[in-house]
Amino acid sequence: MTHTPDHDVIIIGGSYAGSAAALQLLRAHRRVLVIDAGQRRNDTVPKSHGFITQDGRDPADLARAARRDLEAYPTLTWADGAATTARADAQGFVVTYGDGKSATAARLILATGVRDTLPEIAGLAERWGDSVAACPYCHGYECAKGAIAVIGTGPESLHQAQLLSEWGQVDFLTQGIVPLDKAAQDDLSARGVTIMEAPVHEISGRATIRLADDTTRDYAGIFTATRIQPATDIAAQLGCEMEETAMGTTVVANAMQATSVDGVFVCGDLATPMASVSNAVGKGTIAGVATHQSLVFPS
């Protein structure tokens, strides 16, 4: 006997990307279950920047407002809790979540986000998302053209140091692990970037760095490139194709946010290393529209 799935679409992750995807589907009268663990990547960020009409707003307020928007639609079901397993079945997909509950849907959208692996430097994690950050477009303007430190984590840090010279005078703290040939050194010099080899010992105050040689300097902001990994193993459970980028692991998606697994779509930071609230909302919107059309025009 064929059973009708509980929902048309299950969205795992109810932050900016997942909510944007849900909105498109709800406005098409589709039955949507959003399973949200309540863990935002930017939960340590006091103000979100770069999202037009919402610049400088508390990102937690943005997430709460998004949920309120969705709750205006009668075909929404919202479940607080973490999704633990997901698998395909004859009618679509089965997802377990929370304390062992399960739900079925014809389509699945993954918006579970990623986790950052931070450099192991005393005082860095406590300041992450505020005076220590990764994205110059999100945090660079607040440095007010002051002194900026870039703490090297690998080859990708060279690009970060070059780019941040647009926002202030940069000290590139290579940690002795960033390879710099003569061309790279000349390029940094031309941009006014100072190369410093002494390892960072700790970060204190708002953005004060003490080096291993015991010298200290105050900065307007500190930046470092993190490594990202999917926040859950749900995509791996489903067999979605993954890609190793310079920034870490993401799920491969096409222009319409479809994964390599038929019926599974992906959006947000899980699908791209270019992270921002505005980008998450845009990709979430595409995923929602594409998922709906896959239901209307099944292949």
Protein backbone atom coordinates (compact mmCIF):
# COMPACT_ATOMS: atom_id res chain seq x y z
CA MET A 1 0.00 0.00 0.00
CA THR A 2 1.28 3.46 -0.93
CA HIS A 3 1.16 5.98 1.91
CA THR A 4 0.96 9.74 1.42
CA PRO A 5 3.96 11.48 3.04
CA ASP A 6 3.25 13.54 6.15
CA HIS A 7 4.59 16.68 4.44
CA ASP A 8 5.41 17.85 0.96
CA VAL A 9 8.83 19.09 2.10
CA ILE A 10 10.95 18.73 5.20
CA ILE A 11 13.52 21.47 5.75
CA ILE A 12 16.30 20.61 8.18
CA GLY A 13 17.53 23.91 9.61
CA GLY A 14 15.35 26.93 10.31
CA SER A 15 17.85 29.77 10.20
CA TYR A 16 18.06 32.33 7.38
CA ALA A 17 18.43 29.94 4.41
CA GLY A 18 15.95 27.38 5.68
CA SER A 19 13.34 30.03 6.51
CA ALA A 20 13.74 31.68 3.10
CA ALA A 21 13.19 28.31 1.41
CA ALA A 22 10.17 27.58 3.60
CA LEU A 23 8.54 30.90 2.77
CA GLN A 24 8.43 30.15 -0.97
CA LEU A 25 6.88 26.75 -0.37
CA LEU A 26 4.32 27.96 2.16
CA ARG A 27 3.20 30.66 -0.26
CA ALA A 28 2.57 27.87 -2.76
CA HIS A 29 0.25 26.18 -0.20
CA ARG A 30 2.69 23.31 0.39
CA ARG A 31 2.86 21.38 3.66
CA VAL A 32 6.25 22.16 5.16
CA LEU A 33 7.95 20.79 8.26
CA VAL A 34 10.91 22.84 9.51
CA ILE A 35 13.15 20.98 11.97
CA ASP A 36 15.40 23.45 13.74
CA ALA A 37 18.10 22.72 16.31
CA GLY A 38 18.36 26.41 17.23
CA GLN A 39 22.07 26.62 16.48
CA ARG A 40 23.06 29.56 14.26
CA ARG A 41 26.62 29.88 13.00
CA ASN A 42 26.53 33.61 13.84
CA ASP A 43 25.10 33.25 17.35
CA THR A 44 28.12 35.10 18.80
CA VAL A 45 27.73 38.05 16.41
CA PRO A 46 26.16 41.13 18.08
CA LYS A 47 25.23 42.90 14.83
CA SER A 48 24.63 41.57 11.34
CA HIS A 49 25.84 43.68 8.41
CA GLY A 50 25.47 43.64 4.64
CA PHE A 51 21.79 42.63 4.45
CA ILE A 52 19.89 45.47 2.81
CA THR A 53 17.15 47.06 5.01
CA GLN A 54 18.45 45.11 8.03
CA ASP A 55 22.02 46.41 8.32
CA GLY A 56 23.26 46.50 11.91
CA ARG A 57 20.43 44.43 13.33
CA ASP A 58 20.92 41.71 15.94
CA PRO A 59 21.03 38.48 13.88
CA ALA A 60 19.03 36.69 16.58
CA ASP A 61 16.23 39.19 15.98
CA LEU A 62 16.39 38.40 12.26
CA ALA A 63 15.97 34.69 12.96
CA ARG A 64 13.03 35.30 15.31
CA ALA A 65 11.35 37.62 12.81
CA ALA A 66 11.77 35.01 10.06
CA ARG A 67 10.02 32.40 12.17
CA ARG A 68 7.16 34.78 12.91
CA ASP A 69 6.73 35.36 9.18
CA LEU A 70 6.49 31.63 8.55
CA GLU A 71 4.04 31.05 11.39
CA ALA A 72 1.49 33.24 9.60
CA TYR A 73 0.98 30.39 7.10
CA PRO A 74 -1.32 27.50 8.10
CA THR A 75 0.60 24.78 6.27
CA LEU A 76 3.73 25.23 8.41
CA THR A 77 4.78 22.75 11.08
CA TRP A 78 7.77 23.86 13.13
CA ALA A 79 9.67 21.38 15.28
CA ASP A 80 12.36 22.47 17.72
CA GLY A 81 15.09 19.85 17.92
CA ALA A 82 17.96 18.30 16.01
CA ALA A 83 17.47 15.98 13.06
CA THR A 84 19.43 12.80 13.74
CA THR A 85 18.88 10.58 10.69
CA ALA A 86 17.55 10.92 7.16
CA ARG A 87 17.03 8.29 4.49
CA ALA A 88 15.20 7.80 1.22
CA ASP A 89 12.16 5.53 0.98
CA ALA A 90 9.58 4.67 -1.66
CA GLN A 91 7.51 7.83 -1.01
CA GLY A 92 10.42 10.22 -0.59
CA PHE A 93 12.34 10.64 2.67
CA VAL A 94 12.11 9.69 6.33
CA VAL A 95 13.68 11.97 8.94
CA THR A 96 14.04 11.27 12.64
CA TYR A 97 14.49 14.14 15.06
CA GLY A 98 14.21 15.24 18.65
CA ASP A 99 13.54 12.41 21.07
CA GLY A 100 12.94 9.82 18.37
CA LYS A 101 10.05 11.31 16.43
CA SER A 102 9.92 10.66 12.69
CA ALA A 103 8.31 12.36 9.70
CA THR A 104 8.10 11.72 5.97
CA ALA A 105 8.13 14.05 2.98
CA ALA A 106 8.36 13.92 -0.79
CA ARG A 107 11.30 16.34 -0.85
CA LEU A 108 14.07 17.36 1.49
CA ILE A 109 15.97 20.64 1.88
CA LEU A 110 19.19 20.69 3.88
CA ALA A 111 19.94 24.00 5.59
CA THR A 112 21.90 22.65 8.53
CA GLY A 113 24.85 25.03 8.20
CA VAL A 114 28.48 24.42 9.09
CA ARG A 115 30.84 24.56 12.04
CA ASP A 116 34.02 26.65 12.14
CA THR A 117 37.30 25.19 13.31
CA LEU A 118 39.13 28.08 14.99
CA PRO A 119 42.86 28.49 15.56
CA GLU A 120 43.84 27.28 19.02
CA ILE A 121 44.94 30.63 20.43
CA ALA A 122 44.12 31.70 23.97
CA GLY A 123 41.33 34.28 24.01
CA LEU A 124 40.32 33.87 20.36
CA ALA A 125 37.19 31.74 20.75
CA GLU A 126 35.77 34.09 23.40
CA ARG A 127 35.93 36.99 20.93
CA TRP A 128 34.80 35.09 17.84
CA GLY A 129 32.07 36.89 15.89
CA ASP A 130 32.79 40.25 17.53
CA SER A 131 36.35 41.61 17.57
CA VAL A 132 37.65 38.45 15.88
CA ALA A 133 35.99 37.47 12.62
CA ALA A 134 36.51 35.96 9.17
CA CYS A 135 34.56 38.07 6.67
CA PRO A 136 35.70 41.62 5.84
CA TYR A 137 32.38 42.41 4.18
CA CYS A 138 30.56 41.60 7.43
CA HIS A 139 33.02 43.12 9.91
CA GLY A 140 35.62 45.22 8.09
CA TYR A 141 33.81 48.57 8.04
CA GLU A 142 33.68 48.70 11.84
CA CYS A 143 37.50 48.74 11.90
CA ALA A 144 37.19 52.36 10.71
CA LYS A 145 40.38 52.19 8.63
CA GLY A 146 42.37 51.35 11.77
CA ALA A 147 44.99 48.69 12.44
CA ILE A 148 43.92 45.18 11.45
CA ALA A 149 45.57 41.86 12.32
CA VAL A 150 45.23 38.83 10.06
CA ILE A 151 46.21 35.62 11.83
CA GLY A 152 47.40 33.06 9.32
CA THR A 153 45.99 29.56 9.26
CA GLY A 154 47.12 28.35 5.83
CA PRO A 155 47.61 29.39 2.19
CA GLU A 156 44.12 30.96 1.97
CA SER A 157 45.19 33.54 4.56
CA LEU A 158 47.27 35.34 1.94
CA HIS A 159 44.11 36.31 0.05
CA GLN A 160 42.52 37.47 3.30
CA ALA A 161 45.49 39.71 4.14
CA GLN A 162 45.52 41.18 0.63
CA LEU A 163 41.79 41.87 0.66
CA LEU A 164 41.66 43.40 4.14
CA SER A 165 44.13 46.11 3.13
CA GLU A 166 41.02 47.79 1.70
CA TRP A 167 39.71 48.24 5.25
CA GLY A 168 42.79 49.38 7.15
CA GLN A 169 46.51 48.94 7.76
CA VAL A 170 47.14 45.20 7.97
CA ASP A 171 49.66 43.24 10.01
CA PHE A 172 49.86 39.74 8.54
CA LEU A 173 50.75 37.38 11.39
CA THR A 174 51.78 34.36 9.36
CA GLN A 175 52.33 32.05 12.35
CA GLY A 176 55.16 30.59 10.30
CA ILE A 177 52.68 28.40 8.40
CA VAL A 178 51.72 30.57 5.43
CA PRO A 179 54.08 30.14 2.47
CA LEU A 180 55.02 33.49 0.92
CA ASP A 181 57.17 33.56 -2.20
CA LYS A 182 58.81 36.77 -3.41
CA ALA A 183 55.86 37.67 -5.61
CA ALA A 184 53.48 37.37 -2.65
CA GLN A 185 55.77 39.40 -0.41
CA ASP A 186 56.10 42.13 -3.03
CA ASP A 187 52.32 42.20 -3.51
CA LEU A 188 51.71 42.55 0.24
CA SER A 189 54.31 45.29 0.48
CA ALA A 190 52.64 47.22 -2.34
CA ARG A 191 49.37 47.04 -0.39
CA GLY A 192 51.01 48.38 2.78
CA VAL A 193 50.76 45.04 4.59
CA THR A 194 53.36 44.31 7.27
CA ILE A 195 54.49 40.68 7.48
CA MET A 196 55.14 39.41 11.02
CA GLU A 197 56.47 35.91 11.73
CA ALA A 198 56.36 35.77 15.55
CA PRO A 199 53.54 33.42 16.66
CA VAL A 200 50.48 34.80 18.44
CA HIS A 201 50.53 33.85 22.13
CA GLU A 202 47.15 35.21 23.24
CA ILE A 203 44.40 37.74 22.62
CA SER A 204 43.17 39.92 25.48
CA GLY A 205 41.07 43.03 26.04
CA ARG A 206 38.93 43.78 23.03
CA ALA A 207 41.54 43.07 20.36
CA THR A 208 45.00 43.13 21.91
CA ILE A 209 47.48 40.58 20.60
CA ARG A 210 50.50 39.40 22.54
CA LEU A 211 53.13 37.66 20.47
CA ALA A 212 55.49 34.90 21.55
CA ASP A 213 58.28 37.50 21.78
CA ASP A 214 56.11 39.26 24.43
CA THR A 215 55.37 42.33 22.30
CA THR A 216 51.77 43.53 22.25
CA ARG A 217 49.66 45.63 19.93
CA ASP A 218 46.08 46.86 20.00
CA TYR A 219 43.98 46.38 16.89
CA ALA A 220 40.68 47.70 15.62
CA GLY A 221 39.83 44.17 14.50
CA ILE A 222 41.33 40.72 14.12
CA PHE A 223 40.59 38.38 11.23
CA THR A 224 41.41 34.75 10.60
CA ALA A 225 40.35 32.15 8.05
CA THR A 226 38.57 29.16 9.60
CA ARG A 227 38.02 25.64 8.29
CA ILE A 228 34.37 24.64 7.86
CA GLN A 229 32.68 21.27 8.20
CA PRO A 230 28.98 20.36 7.90
CA ALA A 231 27.28 20.90 11.25
CA THR A 232 25.64 17.46 11.00
CA ASP A 233 26.25 14.26 9.05
CA ILE A 234 22.77 14.27 7.48
CA ALA A 235 24.08 15.07 3.98
CA ALA A 236 26.62 12.24 4.27
CA GLN A 237 23.90 9.83 5.44
CA LEU A 238 21.93 10.60 2.29
CA GLY A 239 24.98 10.13 0.07
CA CYS A 240 25.18 13.72 -1.17
CA GLU A 241 28.32 14.53 -3.12
CA MET A 242 30.75 16.66 -1.11
CA GLU A 243 33.48 19.04 -2.23
CA GLU A 244 36.70 20.00 -0.49
CA THR A 245 37.29 23.74 -1.00
CA ALA A 246 40.04 26.03 0.25
CA MET A 247 37.77 26.84 3.19
CA GLY A 248 36.62 23.30 4.01
CA THR A 249 33.86 20.85 3.13
CA THR A 250 30.62 21.83 1.39
CA VAL A 251 27.80 19.95 -0.32
CA VAL A 252 27.86 20.11 -4.11
CA ALA A 253 24.80 21.81 -5.63
CA ASN A 254 23.79 22.97 -9.08
CA ALA A 255 22.48 26.43 -9.97
CA MET A 256 19.04 25.50 -8.62
CA GLN A 257 20.51 24.18 -5.33
CA ALA A 258 19.83 20.53 -6.19
CA THR A 259 22.27 18.01 -4.75
CA SER A 260 23.52 14.82 -6.38
CA VAL A 261 20.68 12.94 -4.64
CA ASP A 262 17.35 13.17 -6.45
CA GLY A 263 14.81 15.08 -4.38
CA VAL A 264 17.35 16.62 -2.00
CA PHE A 265 18.16 20.33 -2.19
CA VAL A 266 20.66 22.34 -0.14
CA CYS A 267 21.12 26.00 0.77
CA GLY A 268 22.99 28.31 3.10
CA ASP A 269 26.56 27.92 4.30
CA LEU A 270 26.36 24.16 3.80
CA ALA A 271 26.43 24.76 0.04
CA THR A 272 29.00 27.55 -0.28
CA PRO A 273 32.05 28.94 1.52
CA MET A 274 30.82 32.47 0.70
CA ALA A 275 28.86 33.00 3.90
CA SER A 276 26.55 35.91 4.67
CA VAL A 277 22.95 36.36 5.77
CA SER A 278 22.00 37.93 2.44
CA ASN A 279 23.61 35.11 0.47
CA ALA A 280 21.89 32.51 2.65
CA VAL A 281 18.50 34.14 2.08
CA GLY A 282 19.08 34.34 -1.67
CA LYS A 283 20.17 30.71 -2.01
CA GLY A 284 17.36 29.63 0.29
CA THR A 285 14.84 31.36 -1.93
CA ILE A 286 16.21 29.54 -4.98
CA ALA A 287 16.10 26.21 -3.14
CA GLY A 288 12.48 26.77 -2.11
CA VAL A 289 11.37 27.67 -5.64
CA ALA A 290 13.32 24.81 -7.22
CA THR A 291 11.93 22.31 -4.71
CA HIS A 292 8.39 23.45 -5.40
CA GLN A 293 8.87 23.15 -9.14
CA SER A 294 10.28 19.65 -8.74
CA LEU A 295 6.96 18.73 -7.13
CA VAL A 296 4.92 20.37 -9.87
CA PHE A 297 7.06 18.95 -12.70
CA PRO A 298 8.51 15.67 -11.40
CA SER A 299 11.13 14.16 -13.66
